[in-house]
């Protein structure tokens, strides 16, 4: 069954920092190449999840990875632009010290080739779901920016019903035609955290967005998946749902 088409692709080189909007990307066994390969680790945290995220430091969303490291096997940034407009080399002490100061604790930058993910290496959401949440929250599309949901792939589905993704769990998404496109097995619904409450341009909190997701779909919006076949993703690509 043809679901629709890819309308947007996002990569987030550094966990919880601003993402990159792409026209095309390669989906490898560890997610979109260059996605969430870097993160700042909290040295005072001994839990199983020591990574600094916007839930701990909302302003992290306002840092923008820039540049392209030609020496890297994957598309990784060379610098980071701060909310104040300063640019620091990715691995510089200046960048680490500034973010450490904002956070209030010591940090170190880590690079994990298999990615630093909360649940799964690839996430997908439909425009219909984002629009449904926007209407329910009373914020409108502009104030309920899809970037709040930090997806990898956004689909413009043939159906306009929100949360159609619920029915995709246990099934397969095929991107493109032939054997060059990627294939993703949908493993679980995406349970949302406070990240959806933060405006990606200001880091201001708006709890009505998450409340809307809770009311409409028990706090789930979008889905996670596992890579079944590596391949290319592209805006405009046809997406087919298979058993």
Protein backbone atom coordinates (compact mmCIF):
# COMPACT_ATOMS: atom_id res chain seq x y z
CA UNK A 1 0.00 0.00 0.00
CA UNK A 2 1.38 3.39 -0.99
CA UNK A 3 1.44 5.64 2.10
CA UNK A 4 2.61 8.89 0.57
CA UNK A 5 5.91 10.64 0.05
CA UNK A 6 8.89 11.87 2.03
CA UNK A 7 8.43 15.58 2.72
CA UNK A 8 11.48 16.26 4.93
CA UNK A 9 14.65 14.59 6.20
CA UNK A 10 16.55 15.70 9.30
CA UNK A 11 19.95 14.86 10.72
CA UNK A 12 21.12 15.89 14.21
CA UNK A 13 24.94 15.64 14.28
CA UNK A 14 25.21 16.55 17.98
CA UNK A 15 22.61 15.21 20.37
CA UNK A 16 20.00 17.84 21.34
CA UNK A 17 21.57 20.58 19.23
CA UNK A 18 19.86 22.07 16.16
CA UNK A 19 19.26 19.70 13.27
CA UNK A 20 20.03 19.90 9.57
CA UNK A 21 17.28 19.83 6.94
CA UNK A 22 18.39 17.62 4.04
CA UNK A 23 17.18 16.90 0.52
CA UNK A 24 18.72 13.43 0.61
CA UNK A 25 20.60 11.15 2.99
CA UNK A 26 22.07 7.68 3.23
CA UNK A 27 20.50 5.35 5.77
CA UNK A 28 23.16 3.01 7.17
CA UNK A 29 22.79 0.20 9.72
CA UNK A 30 23.24 2.81 12.48
CA UNK A 31 20.71 5.32 11.22
CA UNK A 32 21.15 8.27 8.89
CA UNK A 33 24.86 8.80 8.28
CA UNK A 34 26.15 11.52 10.60
CA UNK A 35 23.06 11.47 12.82
CA UNK A 36 23.63 11.81 16.57
CA UNK A 37 27.20 10.59 16.35
CA UNK A 38 28.32 13.22 18.86
CA UNK A 39 27.11 14.14 22.34
CA UNK A 40 28.34 15.85 25.45
CA UNK A 41 28.69 13.44 28.37
CA UNK A 42 27.98 14.66 31.90
CA UNK A 43 31.00 13.65 33.95
CA UNK A 44 29.04 13.82 37.21
CA UNK A 45 26.44 11.33 35.97
CA UNK A 46 27.02 7.63 36.58
CA UNK A 47 23.68 6.45 35.20
CA UNK A 48 23.24 4.47 32.02
CA UNK A 49 22.29 7.65 30.17
CA UNK A 50 24.89 10.33 30.93
CA UNK A 51 24.34 12.41 27.79
CA UNK A 52 23.51 16.10 28.06
CA UNK A 53 20.15 16.78 26.44
CA UNK A 54 17.75 19.68 26.15
CA UNK A 55 15.71 18.25 29.01
CA UNK A 56 18.66 19.21 31.23
CA UNK A 57 19.73 22.31 29.28
CA UNK A 58 17.02 23.69 26.93
CA UNK A 59 19.45 26.24 25.42
CA UNK A 60 21.32 23.33 23.84
CA UNK A 61 18.71 23.45 21.07
CA UNK A 62 20.02 26.87 20.07
CA UNK A 63 23.54 25.65 19.30
CA UNK A 64 23.99 24.94 15.59
CA UNK A 65 26.58 22.49 14.22
CA UNK A 66 28.18 23.92 11.07
CA UNK A 67 30.87 23.00 8.55
CA UNK A 68 31.73 19.62 7.11
CA UNK A 69 34.71 17.55 8.22
CA UNK A 70 36.21 16.21 4.98
CA UNK A 71 38.48 13.85 6.91
CA UNK A 72 35.56 11.99 8.47
CA UNK A 73 33.97 8.92 6.93
CA UNK A 74 30.59 10.40 7.83
CA UNK A 75 29.21 13.93 7.45
CA UNK A 76 30.22 15.49 10.78
CA UNK A 77 30.50 19.20 11.65
CA UNK A 78 33.75 21.07 12.18
CA UNK A 79 32.38 23.94 14.29
CA UNK A 80 29.41 24.96 16.41
CA UNK A 81 27.66 28.34 16.39
CA UNK A 82 26.49 29.39 19.86
CA UNK A 83 23.20 31.18 20.66
CA UNK A 84 25.26 34.39 20.88
CA UNK A 85 26.60 33.95 17.35
CA UNK A 86 30.12 32.91 18.32
CA UNK A 87 31.72 30.05 16.41
CA UNK A 88 33.96 27.51 18.13
CA UNK A 89 35.81 24.52 16.76
CA UNK A 90 33.90 21.35 17.58
CA UNK A 91 36.52 19.86 19.89
CA UNK A 92 37.76 23.14 21.37
CA UNK A 93 38.01 23.83 25.08
CA UNK A 94 36.11 27.08 24.47
CA UNK A 95 33.00 25.25 23.30
CA UNK A 96 33.17 22.65 26.04
CA UNK A 97 33.72 25.29 28.73
CA UNK A 98 30.85 27.48 27.52
CA UNK A 99 28.34 24.63 27.52
CA UNK A 100 29.70 23.34 30.84
CA UNK A 101 29.17 26.80 32.33
CA UNK A 102 25.57 26.95 31.11
CA UNK A 103 24.89 23.45 32.41
CA UNK A 104 26.71 23.90 35.70
CA UNK A 105 28.85 20.77 35.53
CA UNK A 106 31.83 19.24 33.75
CA UNK A 107 31.33 17.79 30.29
CA UNK A 108 33.29 15.98 27.61
CA UNK A 109 32.51 15.53 23.94
CA UNK A 110 32.08 11.92 22.82
CA UNK A 111 31.96 10.47 19.31
CA UNK A 112 30.23 7.09 18.98
CA UNK A 113 30.22 5.58 15.51
CA UNK A 114 27.06 3.58 16.18
CA UNK A 115 25.17 6.72 17.27
CA UNK A 116 23.75 7.99 20.54
CA UNK A 117 20.03 7.32 20.44
CA UNK A 118 17.29 7.27 23.06
CA UNK A 119 15.42 4.27 21.65
CA UNK A 120 16.19 3.53 18.02
CA UNK A 121 18.34 4.67 15.13
CA UNK A 122 15.52 6.02 12.95
CA UNK A 123 12.28 7.89 13.69
CA UNK A 124 9.39 8.73 11.37
CA UNK A 125 6.36 10.98 11.79
CA UNK A 126 3.60 12.17 9.47
CA UNK A 127 2.69 15.78 8.77
CA UNK A 128 -0.90 14.84 9.61
CA UNK A 129 0.12 13.90 13.15
CA UNK A 130 2.02 17.15 13.69
CA UNK A 131 -0.91 19.15 12.31
CA UNK A 132 -3.32 17.27 14.57
CA UNK A 133 -1.24 18.10 17.63
CA UNK A 134 -0.98 21.72 16.49
CA UNK A 135 -4.77 22.03 16.26
CA UNK A 136 -5.38 20.34 19.61
CA UNK A 137 -2.78 22.46 21.39
CA UNK A 138 -4.35 25.65 20.07
CA UNK A 139 -0.96 26.87 18.93
CA UNK A 140 -1.39 26.52 15.19
CA UNK A 141 1.13 25.01 12.78
CA UNK A 142 3.70 27.78 13.13
CA UNK A 143 3.90 27.49 16.93
CA UNK A 144 3.82 23.69 16.84
CA UNK A 145 6.84 23.41 14.56
CA UNK A 146 7.56 19.82 13.46
CA UNK A 147 11.16 20.40 14.62
CA UNK A 148 9.83 20.03 18.18
CA UNK A 149 9.40 16.32 17.41
CA UNK A 150 13.00 15.94 16.18
CA UNK A 151 12.14 13.32 13.53
CA UNK A 152 14.53 11.84 11.01
CA UNK A 153 11.90 11.42 8.32
CA UNK A 154 8.63 13.31 7.83
CA UNK A 155 5.97 11.84 5.56
CA UNK A 156 3.19 13.58 3.71
CA UNK A 157 0.72 10.72 3.83
CA UNK A 158 -2.19 10.18 1.47
CA UNK A 159 -4.42 10.03 4.53
CA UNK A 160 -4.90 13.22 6.56
CA UNK A 161 -5.72 11.30 9.75
CA UNK A 162 -3.29 11.98 12.59
CA UNK A 163 -1.53 9.10 14.36
CA UNK A 164 -1.89 6.73 11.42
CA UNK A 165 1.63 5.66 12.44
CA UNK A 166 0.14 3.57 15.27
CA UNK A 167 -0.96 1.00 12.68
CA UNK A 168 2.51 0.77 11.15
CA UNK A 169 4.06 -1.01 14.15
CA UNK A 170 5.19 -4.50 13.15
CA UNK A 171 5.13 -3.59 9.47
CA UNK A 172 7.72 -2.29 7.00
CA UNK A 173 8.30 1.06 5.29
CA UNK A 174 9.85 0.82 1.83
CA UNK A 175 11.41 4.04 0.53
CA UNK A 176 11.55 4.56 -3.22
CA UNK A 177 11.21 2.02 -5.99
CA UNK A 178 13.53 -0.83 -6.88
CA UNK A 179 16.37 -1.91 -4.60
CA UNK A 180 18.24 1.37 -4.07
CA UNK A 181 15.94 2.83 -1.44
CA UNK A 182 16.09 2.10 2.27
CA UNK A 183 13.74 -0.24 4.14
CA UNK A 184 12.73 0.32 7.76
CA UNK A 185 10.95 -2.11 10.06
CA UNK A 186 8.65 -0.20 12.40
CA UNK A 187 9.27 -1.48 15.92
CA UNK A 188 7.40 0.78 18.33
CA UNK A 189 5.40 3.95 18.84
CA UNK A 190 7.41 7.02 19.81
CA UNK A 191 6.60 7.98 23.39
CA UNK A 192 7.19 11.68 23.80
CA UNK A 193 9.23 13.51 26.42
CA UNK A 194 9.52 17.17 27.40
CA UNK A 195 11.54 17.89 24.23
CA UNK A 196 8.28 18.60 22.34
CA UNK A 197 7.58 21.48 24.73
CA UNK A 198 10.64 23.50 23.70
CA UNK A 199 10.49 26.05 20.91
CA UNK A 200 13.41 25.15 18.59
CA UNK A 201 14.15 28.84 17.92
CA UNK A 202 13.93 30.24 21.47
CA UNK A 203 14.09 27.21 23.80
CA UNK A 204 11.03 28.58 25.58
CA UNK A 205 8.79 25.95 27.16
CA UNK A 206 5.15 25.41 26.15
CA UNK A 207 3.61 22.46 27.97
CA UNK A 208 0.39 22.60 25.93
CA UNK A 209 2.06 20.71 23.10
CA UNK A 210 2.86 17.64 25.18
CA UNK A 211 -0.55 17.83 26.88
CA UNK A 212 -2.15 17.68 23.44
CA UNK A 213 -0.17 14.55 22.53
CA UNK A 214 -1.26 12.94 25.81
CA UNK A 215 -4.94 13.75 25.23
CA UNK A 216 -4.98 12.67 21.61
CA UNK A 217 -2.82 9.55 21.64
CA UNK A 218 -1.65 8.64 25.14
CA UNK A 219 1.62 10.58 24.67
CA UNK A 220 2.67 8.81 21.46
CA UNK A 221 3.45 10.63 18.23
CA UNK A 222 5.33 9.00 15.37
CA UNK A 223 7.25 5.72 15.38
CA UNK A 224 10.71 4.26 15.80
CA UNK A 225 12.21 1.72 13.45
CA UNK A 226 15.14 -0.54 12.76
CA UNK A 227 17.05 -0.63 9.48
CA UNK A 228 16.16 -3.68 7.39
CA UNK A 229 17.97 -2.53 4.25
CA UNK A 230 20.43 0.29 3.91
CA UNK A 231 19.91 2.72 1.08
CA UNK A 232 19.00 6.20 0.01
CA UNK A 233 16.37 8.53 1.38
CA UNK A 234 15.15 11.51 -0.62
CA UNK A 235 12.53 14.22 -0.43
CA UNK A 236 9.70 13.32 -2.82
CA UNK A 237 10.40 9.59 -2.55
CA UNK A 238 7.36 7.33 -2.63
CA UNK A 239 6.89 5.36 0.61
CA UNK A 240 5.11 2.01 0.62
CA UNK A 241 3.77 0.14 3.66
CA UNK A 242 4.29 -3.64 3.56
CA UNK A 243 3.58 -6.51 5.92
